[in-house]
Amino acid sequence: MSPERDRAAGRGVGETGTVSAIAPALGADLPVRVAPEAAEVRVRGLVHRYPGRDGAAPLQVLDGLDLDVPAGGYVALTGPSGSGKSTLLSVLGGLEVPQGGSVVVHGTELGGAHARDLATYRRQTVGFVFQHFGLLDTLTAQENVELATMLAGVPRRRRQARAAELLADVGLAPRAGHTPLELSGGERQRVAVARALANDPALLLADEPTGNLDGASGERVVELLEGLNRDRGLTLIVVTHDPALAARAHRRLDLVAGRVVEARRAEDTRG
């Protein structure tokens, strides 16, 4: 039966629809997350490198980096391409394991963590917003958001209600039944934000969240992210090449050659 017929029959995504075929491959036996406190981030001496090609020396991306973000903080990471911004975000999000130093997020030491512990951390503690949205084109907006809660083991009726609530929060309730291909870029990114919030994360990581959006759509997404930081107290870390966006954060950190070489408050950049 198609997802559309599932909905007409009162069944949720994952009963016989396309999400149920995806979830087992990603792992759906994790516990339900309750609303958390904001996450504190503490990094000391972080080292991360990638193997060189054709016998070349390894590429040192992060080189003894230190970082502190208080619970409920809002930080913008800027710097030239290759300076380690996205790698740092991947480490903080548990997508890559620190190769040296200490990374503690919300009381969890990520260095040396077991793969299953990292998977639990990603689903329970962190929400991701990517430049390229990361939505599944075969699923509707509602189903994309439901997928995140399904993987966390949320019962069908609760995940339906949660997805509908989040889409309403980002102003997309009327578009819940549309696939990403039927949505504008700004609408897709708002669906991605809703999905990132599905399991009540303590930390929200956004990698170039406005990079593929026009000015008006980008502004709406930024206001949405800032509202989550301000009103819900989520810790927010944004990677951006946009100096105007970086200047809006509580604190701007510049990365060069894998280290934080300059840190200044946003108001200092406004003259």
C-alpha atoms as a PDB file:
ATOM      1  CA  MET A   1       0.000   0.000   0.000  1.00  0.00           C
ATOM      2  CA  SER A   2       1.272   3.505  -0.786  1.00  0.00           C
ATOM      3  CA  PRO A   3       2.010   6.073   1.934  1.00  0.00           C
ATOM      4  CA  GLU A   4      -0.954   8.087   0.667  1.00  0.00           C
ATOM      5  CA  ARG A   5      -3.278   5.131   1.217  1.00  0.00           C
ATOM      6  CA  ASP A   6      -1.683   4.525   4.591  1.00  0.00           C
ATOM      7  CA  ARG A   7      -2.641   8.041   5.628  1.00  0.00           C
ATOM      8  CA  ALA A   8      -6.151   7.670   4.244  1.00  0.00           C
ATOM      9  CA  ALA A   9      -6.560   4.448   6.230  1.00  0.00           C
ATOM     10  CA  GLY A  10      -5.329   6.102   9.410  1.00  0.00           C
ATOM     11  CA  ARG A  11      -1.950   4.390   9.431  1.00  0.00           C
ATOM     12  CA  GLY A  12       1.228   6.340  10.030  1.00  0.00           C
ATOM     13  CA  VAL A  13       4.472   6.378   8.145  1.00  0.00           C
ATOM     14  CA  GLY A  14       6.448   3.243   8.825  1.00  0.00           C
ATOM     15  CA  GLU A  15       3.524   0.826   9.076  1.00  0.00           C
ATOM     16  CA  THR A  16       3.561  -0.199   5.434  1.00  0.00           C
ATOM     17  CA  GLY A  17       4.939   2.956   3.790  1.00  0.00           C
ATOM     18  CA  THR A  18       8.345   3.793   2.406  1.00  0.00           C
ATOM     19  CA  VAL A  19       9.875   4.843   5.728  1.00  0.00           C
ATOM     20  CA  SER A  20       9.557   1.309   7.111  1.00  0.00           C
ATOM     21  CA  ALA A  21      11.855   0.045   4.407  1.00  0.00           C
ATOM     22  CA  ILE A  22      14.511   2.625   5.303  1.00  0.00           C
ATOM     23  CA  ALA A  23      14.475   2.490   9.093  1.00  0.00           C
ATOM     24  CA  PRO A  24      15.898  -1.020   9.693  1.00  0.00           C
ATOM     25  CA  ALA A  25      19.056  -0.146   7.784  1.00  0.00           C
ATOM     26  CA  LEU A  26      19.638   2.908   9.993  1.00  0.00           C
ATOM     27  CA  GLY A  27      18.704   1.311  13.302  1.00  0.00           C
ATOM     28  CA  ALA A  28      15.409   1.991  15.065  1.00  0.00           C
ATOM     29  CA  ASP A  29      15.890   0.468  18.528  1.00  0.00           C
ATOM     30  CA  LEU A  30      17.015   3.569  20.370  1.00  0.00           C
ATOM     31  CA  PRO A  31      15.199   5.024  23.381  1.00  0.00           C
ATOM     32  CA  VAL A  32      12.845   7.987  23.181  1.00  0.00           C
ATOM     33  CA  ARG A  33      14.442  11.325  24.069  1.00  0.00           C
ATOM     34  CA  VAL A  34      12.807  13.650  26.551  1.00  0.00           C
ATOM     35  CA  ALA A  35      13.286  17.420  26.385  1.00  0.00           C
ATOM     36  CA  PRO A  36      16.892  18.119  27.474  1.00  0.00           C
ATOM     37  CA  GLU A  37      18.790  20.963  29.004  1.00  0.00           C
ATOM     38  CA  ALA A  38      21.033  22.854  26.602  1.00  0.00           C
ATOM     39  CA  ALA A  39      24.403  21.296  25.850  1.00  0.00           C
ATOM     40  CA  GLU A  40      27.730  22.656  27.027  1.00  0.00           C
ATOM     41  CA  VAL A  41      30.660  22.059  24.652  1.00  0.00           C
ATOM     42  CA  ARG A  42      34.270  21.756  25.847  1.00  0.00           C
ATOM     43  CA  VAL A  43      37.103  20.877  23.453  1.00  0.00           C
ATOM     44  CA  ARG A  44      40.770  20.634  24.398  1.00  0.00           C
ATOM     45  CA  GLY A  45      43.688  19.932  22.076  1.00  0.00           C
ATOM     46  CA  LEU A  46      41.536  18.458  19.300  1.00  0.00           C
ATOM     47  CA  VAL A  47      43.544  16.832  16.521  1.00  0.00           C
ATOM     48  CA  HIS A  48      42.105  15.461  13.306  1.00  0.00           C
ATOM     49  CA  ARG A  49      43.797  14.526  10.052  1.00  0.00           C
ATOM     50  CA  TYR A  50      42.975  12.772   6.796  1.00  0.00           C
ATOM     51  CA  PRO A  51      45.248  10.315   4.964  1.00  0.00           C
ATOM     52  CA  GLY A  52      47.296  11.764   2.114  1.00  0.00           C
ATOM     53  CA  ARG A  53      46.807  10.510  -1.416  1.00  0.00           C
ATOM     54  CA  ASP A  54      49.380   8.517  -3.342  1.00  0.00           C
ATOM     55  CA  GLY A  55      51.829   8.390  -0.471  1.00  0.00           C
ATOM     56  CA  ALA A  56      51.540  12.063   0.428  1.00  0.00           C
ATOM     57  CA  ALA A  57      51.736  13.158   4.046  1.00  0.00           C
ATOM     58  CA  PRO A  58      48.448  13.196   6.004  1.00  0.00           C
ATOM     59  CA  LEU A  59      46.420  16.400   5.820  1.00  0.00           C
ATOM     60  CA  GLN A  60      46.272  18.039   9.245  1.00  0.00           C
ATOM     61  CA  VAL A  61      42.813  19.630   9.460  1.00  0.00           C
ATOM     62  CA  LEU A  62      42.464  20.301  13.193  1.00  0.00           C
ATOM     63  CA  ASP A  63      45.683  20.945  15.091  1.00  0.00           C
ATOM     64  CA  GLY A  64      45.345  21.280  18.846  1.00  0.00           C
ATOM     65  CA  LEU A  65      42.055  23.174  18.752  1.00  0.00           C
ATOM     66  CA  ASP A  66      40.434  24.452  21.953  1.00  0.00           C
ATOM     67  CA  LEU A  67      36.785  25.527  22.119  1.00  0.00           C
ATOM     68  CA  ASP A  68      34.284  26.397  24.836  1.00  0.00           C
ATOM     69  CA  VAL A  69      30.596  26.997  24.168  1.00  0.00           C
ATOM     70  CA  PRO A  70      28.357  27.500  27.201  1.00  0.00           C
ATOM     71  CA  ALA A  71      24.978  25.843  27.479  1.00  0.00           C
ATOM     72  CA  GLY A  72      22.529  27.937  25.487  1.00  0.00           C
ATOM     73  CA  GLY A  73      25.322  29.705  23.594  1.00  0.00           C
ATOM     74  CA  TYR A  74      25.172  30.846  19.973  1.00  0.00           C
ATOM     75  CA  VAL A  75      28.493  30.653  18.127  1.00  0.00           C
ATOM     76  CA  ALA A  76      29.405  31.273  14.494  1.00  0.00           C
ATOM     77  CA  LEU A  77      32.447  29.498  13.040  1.00  0.00           C
ATOM     78  CA  THR A  78      34.094  31.270  10.124  1.00  0.00           C
ATOM     79  CA  GLY A  79      37.319  30.889   8.186  1.00  0.00           C
ATOM     80  CA  PRO A  80      38.669  30.066   4.741  1.00  0.00           C
ATOM     81  CA  SER A  81      37.842  26.829   2.960  1.00  0.00           C
ATOM     82  CA  GLY A  82      39.934  23.999   4.338  1.00  0.00           C
ATOM     83  CA  SER A  83      40.394  25.593   7.756  1.00  0.00           C
ATOM     84  CA  GLY A  84      38.545  22.771   9.502  1.00  0.00           C
ATOM     85  CA  LYS A  85      35.106  24.286  10.156  1.00  0.00           C
ATOM     86  CA  SER A  86      32.997  21.455   8.760  1.00  0.00           C
ATOM     87  CA  THR A  87      35.343  18.834  10.204  1.00  0.00           C
ATOM     88  CA  LEU A  88      34.944  20.392  13.636  1.00  0.00           C
ATOM     89  CA  LEU A  89      31.168  20.307  13.227  1.00  0.00           C
ATOM     90  CA  SER A  90      31.345  16.637  12.189  1.00  0.00           C
ATOM     91  CA  VAL A  91      33.364  15.797  15.306  1.00  0.00           C
ATOM     92  CA  LEU A  92      31.002  17.733  17.592  1.00  0.00           C
ATOM     93  CA  GLY A  93      28.077  15.926  15.963  1.00  0.00           C
ATOM     94  CA  GLY A  94      29.571  12.473  16.456  1.00  0.00           C
ATOM     95  CA  LEU A  95      29.906  11.869  12.707  1.00  0.00           C
ATOM     96  CA  GLU A  96      33.679  11.555  13.031  1.00  0.00           C
ATOM     97  CA  VAL A  97      35.682  10.342  16.014  1.00  0.00           C
ATOM     98  CA  PRO A  98      38.313  12.698  17.483  1.00  0.00           C
ATOM     99  CA  GLN A  99      41.809  11.419  16.739  1.00  0.00           C
ATOM    100  CA  GLY A 100      43.416  13.313  19.594  1.00  0.00           C
ATOM    101  CA  GLY A 101      42.495  15.588  22.460  1.00  0.00           C
ATOM    102  CA  SER A 102      39.255  15.733  24.420  1.00  0.00           C
ATOM    103  CA  VAL A 103      35.737  16.540  23.181  1.00  0.00           C
ATOM    104  CA  VAL A 104      32.990  16.668  25.805  1.00  0.00           C
ATOM    105  CA  VAL A 105      29.448  17.603  24.782  1.00  0.00           C
ATOM    106  CA  HIS A 106      26.562  17.597  27.267  1.00  0.00           C
ATOM    107  CA  GLY A 107      28.693  15.520  29.621  1.00  0.00           C
ATOM    108  CA  THR A 108      29.603  12.894  27.008  1.00  0.00           C
ATOM    109  CA  GLU A 109      33.249  12.308  26.061  1.00  0.00           C
ATOM    110  CA  LEU A 110      33.247  11.601  22.323  1.00  0.00           C
ATOM    111  CA  GLY A 111      36.857  10.503  22.045  1.00  0.00           C
ATOM    112  CA  GLY A 112      37.079   6.716  21.949  1.00  0.00           C
ATOM    113  CA  ALA A 113      33.309   6.287  22.195  1.00  0.00           C
ATOM    114  CA  HIS A 114      31.822   3.038  20.875  1.00  0.00           C
ATOM    115  CA  ALA A 115      30.017   3.270  17.531  1.00  0.00           C
ATOM    116  CA  ARG A 116      26.676   2.440  19.153  1.00  0.00           C
ATOM    117  CA  ASP A 117      27.195   5.100  21.819  1.00  0.00           C
ATOM    118  CA  LEU A 118      27.914   7.648  19.088  1.00  0.00           C
ATOM    119  CA  ALA A 119      24.747   6.621  17.233  1.00  0.00           C
ATOM    120  CA  THR A 120      22.743   7.127  20.426  1.00  0.00           C
ATOM    121  CA  TYR A 121      24.436  10.480  20.982  1.00  0.00           C
ATOM    122  CA  ARG A 122      23.606  11.648  17.463  1.00  0.00           C
ATOM    123  CA  ARG A 123      19.952  10.729  17.799  1.00  0.00           C
ATOM    124  CA  GLN A 124      19.438  11.945  21.357  1.00  0.00           C
ATOM    125  CA  THR A 125      21.669  14.981  21.773  1.00  0.00           C
ATOM    126  CA  VAL A 126      22.353  16.596  18.385  1.00  0.00           C
ATOM    127  CA  GLY A 127      20.249  18.060  15.607  1.00  0.00           C
ATOM    128  CA  PHE A 128      21.839  18.678  12.186  1.00  0.00           C
ATOM    129  CA  VAL A 129      20.965  21.250   9.525  1.00  0.00           C
ATOM    130  CA  PHE A 130      22.972  20.922   6.299  1.00  0.00           C
ATOM    131  CA  GLN A 131      23.476  23.243   3.341  1.00  0.00           C
ATOM    132  CA  HIS A 132      22.024  20.667   0.943  1.00  0.00           C
ATOM    133  CA  PHE A 133      19.002  19.898   3.185  1.00  0.00           C
ATOM    134  CA  GLY A 134      19.535  16.106   3.366  1.00  0.00           C
ATOM    135  CA  LEU A 135      15.873  15.282   2.767  1.00  0.00           C
ATOM    136  CA  LEU A 136      14.641  12.122   1.049  1.00  0.00           C
ATOM    137  CA  ASP A 137      12.906  13.090  -2.189  1.00  0.00           C
ATOM    138  CA  THR A 138      10.577  10.061  -2.124  1.00  0.00           C
ATOM    139  CA  LEU A 139       9.062  11.096   1.228  1.00  0.00           C
ATOM    140  CA  THR A 140       6.754  13.986   2.020  1.00  0.00           C
ATOM    141  CA  ALA A 141       7.751  16.740   4.414  1.00  0.00           C
ATOM    142  CA  GLN A 142       5.706  15.013   7.123  1.00  0.00           C
ATOM    143  CA  GLU A 143       7.391  11.683   6.448  1.00  0.00           C
ATOM    144  CA  ASN A 144      10.885  13.191   6.454  1.00  0.00           C
ATOM    145  CA  VAL A 145      10.292  14.604   9.920  1.00  0.00           C
ATOM    146  CA  GLU A 146       8.597  11.416  11.127  1.00  0.00           C
ATOM    147  CA  LEU A 147      11.592   9.365  10.024  1.00  0.00           C
ATOM    148  CA  ALA A 148      13.808  10.939  12.671  1.00  0.00           C
ATOM    149  CA  THR A 149      11.348  10.112  15.454  1.00  0.00           C
ATOM    150  CA  MET A 150      10.712   6.621  14.101  1.00  0.00           C
ATOM    151  CA  LEU A 151      14.430   5.836  14.318  1.00  0.00           C
ATOM    152  CA  ALA A 152      14.320   6.951  17.954  1.00  0.00           C
ATOM    153  CA  GLY A 153      11.546   4.455  18.705  1.00  0.00           C
ATOM    154  CA  VAL A 154       8.703   6.945  19.075  1.00  0.00           C
ATOM    155  CA  PRO A 155       5.259   5.276  18.772  1.00  0.00           C
ATOM    156  CA  ARG A 156       3.308   5.958  15.572  1.00  0.00           C
ATOM    157  CA  ARG A 157       0.674   8.354  16.922  1.00  0.00           C
ATOM    158  CA  ARG A 158       3.224  10.370  18.863  1.00  0.00           C
ATOM    159  CA  ARG A 159       5.569  10.714  15.902  1.00  0.00           C
ATOM    160  CA  GLN A 160       2.689  11.786  13.653  1.00  0.00           C
ATOM    161  CA  ALA A 161       1.671  14.446  16.158  1.00  0.00           C
ATOM    162  CA  ARG A 162       5.273  15.533  16.732  1.00  0.00           C
ATOM    163  CA  ALA A 163       5.978  15.939  13.005  1.00  0.00           C
ATOM    164  CA  ALA A 164       2.763  17.894  12.472  1.00  0.00           C
ATOM    165  CA  GLU A 165       3.565  20.146  15.434  1.00  0.00           C
ATOM    166  CA  LEU A 166       7.088  20.891  14.200  1.00  0.00           C
ATOM    167  CA  LEU A 167       5.988  21.614  10.642  1.00  0.00           C
ATOM    168  CA  ALA A 168       3.412  24.027  12.040  1.00  0.00           C
ATOM    169  CA  ASP A 169       6.149  25.654  14.146  1.00  0.00           C
ATOM    170  CA  VAL A 170       8.233  26.361  11.017  1.00  0.00           C
ATOM    171  CA  GLY A 171       5.189  27.594   9.078  1.00  0.00           C
ATOM    172  CA  LEU A 172       4.795  24.585   6.793  1.00  0.00           C
ATOM    173  CA  ALA A 173       1.640  22.846   8.015  1.00  0.00           C
ATOM    174  CA  PRO A 174      -0.090  23.388   4.632  1.00  0.00           C
ATOM    175  CA  ARG A 175       2.912  21.831   2.845  1.00  0.00           C
ATOM    176  CA  ALA A 176       3.214  18.710   5.007  1.00  0.00           C
ATOM    177  CA  GLY A 177       1.981  16.394   2.235  1.00  0.00           C
ATOM    178  CA  HIS A 178       4.412  17.711  -0.410  1.00  0.00           C
ATOM    179  CA  THR A 179       7.709  16.070  -1.346  1.00  0.00           C
ATOM    180  CA  PRO A 180      10.967  18.084  -1.322  1.00  0.00           C
ATOM    181  CA  LEU A 181      10.826  18.382  -5.113  1.00  0.00           C
ATOM    182  CA  GLU A 182       7.553  20.264  -4.699  1.00  0.00           C
ATOM    183  CA  LEU A 183       9.004  22.733  -2.199  1.00  0.00           C
ATOM    184  CA  SER A 184      11.148  25.835  -2.591  1.00  0.00           C
ATOM    185  CA  GLY A 185      14.708  25.900  -1.240  1.00  0.00           C
ATOM    186  CA  GLY A 186      13.652  27.882   1.802  1.00  0.00           C
ATOM    187  CA  GLU A 187      10.795  25.492   2.502  1.00  0.00           C
ATOM    188  CA  ARG A 188      13.129  22.511   2.228  1.00  0.00           C
ATOM    189  CA  GLN A 189      15.509  24.037   4.733  1.00  0.00           C
ATOM    190  CA  ARG A 190      12.635  24.697   7.139  1.00  0.00           C
ATOM    191  CA  VAL A 191      11.637  21.028   6.827  1.00  0.00           C
ATOM    192  CA  ALA A 192      15.261  20.173   7.615  1.00  0.00           C
ATOM    193  CA  VAL A 193      15.103  22.360  10.732  1.00  0.00           C
ATOM    194  CA  ALA A 194      11.881  20.638  11.814  1.00  0.00           C
ATOM    195  CA  ARG A 195      13.525  17.247  11.332  1.00  0.00           C
ATOM    196  CA  ALA A 196      16.570  18.378  13.332  1.00  0.00           C
ATOM    197  CA  LEU A 197      14.264  19.242  16.248  1.00  0.00           C
ATOM    198  CA  ALA A 198      12.284  16.009  16.128  1.00  0.00           C
ATOM    199  CA  ASN A 199      14.013  14.333  19.080  1.00  0.00           C
ATOM    200  CA  ASP A 200      14.439  17.469  21.227  1.00  0.00           C
ATOM    201  CA  PRO A 201      18.203  17.933  20.802  1.00  0.00           C
ATOM    202  CA  ALA A 202      20.331  19.815  23.307  1.00  0.00           C
ATOM    203  CA  LEU A 203      22.721  21.002  20.574  1.00  0.00           C
ATOM    204  CA  LEU A 204      21.868  22.281  17.088  1.00  0.00           C
ATOM    205  CA  LEU A 205      24.630  22.236  14.449  1.00  0.00           C
ATOM    206  CA  ALA A 206      24.073  24.134  11.200  1.00  0.00           C
ATOM    207  CA  ASP A 207      26.599  23.836   8.342  1.00  0.00           C
ATOM    208  CA  GLU A 208      26.127  26.717   5.862  1.00  0.00           C
ATOM    209  CA  PRO A 209      22.343  26.714   6.472  1.00  0.00           C
ATOM    210  CA  THR A 210      21.752  29.634   4.080  1.00  0.00           C
ATOM    211  CA  GLY A 211      24.329  28.660   1.447  1.00  0.00           C
ATOM    212  CA  ASN A 212      21.759  27.508  -1.129  1.00  0.00           C
ATOM    213  CA  LEU A 213      19.059  30.080  -0.358  1.00  0.00           C
ATOM    214  CA  ASP A 214      18.143  33.513  -1.662  1.00  0.00           C
ATOM    215  CA  GLY A 215      18.303  36.480   0.698  1.00  0.00           C
ATOM    216  CA  ALA A 216      14.699  36.419   1.884  1.00  0.00           C
ATOM    217  CA  SER A 217      14.603  32.651   2.391  1.00  0.00           C
ATOM    218  CA  GLY A 218      17.962  32.711   4.157  1.00  0.00           C
ATOM    219  CA  GLU A 219      16.794  35.439   6.503  1.00  0.00           C
ATOM    220  CA  ARG A 220      13.714  33.431   7.453  1.00  0.00           C
ATOM    221  CA  VAL A 221      15.821  30.339   8.210  1.00  0.00           C
ATOM    222  CA  VAL A 222      18.296  32.374  10.288  1.00  0.00           C
ATOM    223  CA  GLU A 223      15.458  33.953  12.268  1.00  0.00           C
ATOM    224  CA  LEU A 224      14.057  30.480  12.877  1.00  0.00           C
ATOM    225  CA  LEU A 225      17.401  29.167  14.167  1.00  0.00           C
ATOM    226  CA  GLU A 226      17.948  32.222  16.346  1.00  0.00           C
ATOM    227  CA  GLY A 227      14.462  31.882  17.768  1.00  0.00           C
ATOM    228  CA  LEU A 228      15.220  28.305  18.791  1.00  0.00           C
ATOM    229  CA  ASN A 229      18.353  29.482  20.581  1.00  0.00           C
ATOM    230  CA  ARG A 230      16.585  32.439  22.213  1.00  0.00           C
ATOM    231  CA  ASP A 231      13.214  30.931  23.094  1.00  0.00           C
ATOM    232  CA  ARG A 232      14.044  27.274  23.681  1.00  0.00           C
ATOM    233  CA  GLY A 233      17.596  27.739  24.937  1.00  0.00           C
ATOM    234  CA  LEU A 234      19.192  25.326  22.472  1.00  0.00           C
ATOM    235  CA  THR A 235      22.949  25.612  22.080  1.00  0.00           C
ATOM    236  CA  LEU A 236      23.512  26.730  18.471  1.00  0.00           C
ATOM    237  CA  ILE A 237      26.735  26.438  16.450  1.00  0.00           C
ATOM    238  CA  VAL A 238      26.666  27.708  12.864  1.00  0.00           C
ATOM    239  CA  VAL A 239      29.366  27.315  10.210  1.00  0.00           C
ATOM    240  CA  THR A 240      29.181  30.074   7.627  1.00  0.00           C
ATOM    241  CA  HIS A 241      31.137  32.045   5.048  1.00  0.00           C
ATOM    242  CA  ASP A 242      28.654  34.904   5.389  1.00  0.00           C
ATOM    243  CA  PRO A 243      30.088  37.687   7.596  1.00  0.00           C
ATOM    244  CA  ALA A 244      26.642  39.224   8.083  1.00  0.00           C
ATOM    245  CA  LEU A 245      25.303  35.963   9.501  1.00  0.00           C
ATOM    246  CA  ALA A 246      28.401  35.467  11.657  1.00  0.00           C
ATOM    247  CA  ALA A 247      28.004  38.965  13.112  1.00  0.00           C
ATOM    248  CA  ARG A 248      24.575  38.037  14.475  1.00  0.00           C
ATOM    249  CA  ALA A 249      25.919  35.316  16.769  1.00  0.00           C
ATOM    250  CA  HIS A 250      26.738  35.898  20.435  1.00  0.00           C
ATOM    251  CA  ARG A 251      30.318  35.041  19.602  1.00  0.00           C
ATOM    252  CA  ARG A 252      32.296  34.654  16.379  1.00  0.00           C
ATOM    253  CA  LEU A 253      35.233  32.245  16.185  1.00  0.00           C
ATOM    254  CA  ASP A 254      37.648  32.354  13.259  1.00  0.00           C
ATOM    255  CA  LEU A 255      39.412  29.131  12.276  1.00  0.00           C
ATOM    256  CA  VAL A 256      42.672  29.172  10.365  1.00  0.00           C
ATOM    257  CA  ALA A 257      44.825  26.101   9.780  1.00  0.00           C
ATOM    258  CA  GLY A 258      42.819  24.031  12.213  1.00  0.00           C
ATOM    259  CA  ARG A 259      42.922  26.345  15.222  1.00  0.00           C
ATOM    260  CA  VAL A 260      40.832  29.103  16.744  1.00  0.00           C
ATOM    261  CA  VAL A 261      43.092  32.078  16.089  1.00  0.00           C
ATOM    262  CA  GLU A 262      40.663  34.898  16.808  1.00  0.00           C
ATOM    263  CA  ALA A 263      37.573  35.164  18.923  1.00  0.00           C
ATOM    264  CA  ARG A 264      35.450  38.272  19.186  1.00  0.00           C
ATOM    265  CA  ARG A 265      31.914  39.089  20.158  1.00  0.00           C
ATOM    266  CA  ALA A 266      29.552  39.842  17.298  1.00  0.00           C
ATOM    267  CA  GLU A 267      28.866  43.388  18.472  1.00  0.00           C
ATOM    268  CA  ASP A 268      32.554  44.195  18.070  1.00  0.00           C
ATOM    269  CA  THR A 269      32.243  43.614  14.310  1.00  0.00           C
ATOM    270  CA  ARG A 270      29.331  46.021  13.867  1.00  0.00           C
ATOM    271  CA  GLY A 271      31.263  49.231  14.522  1.00  0.00           C
END
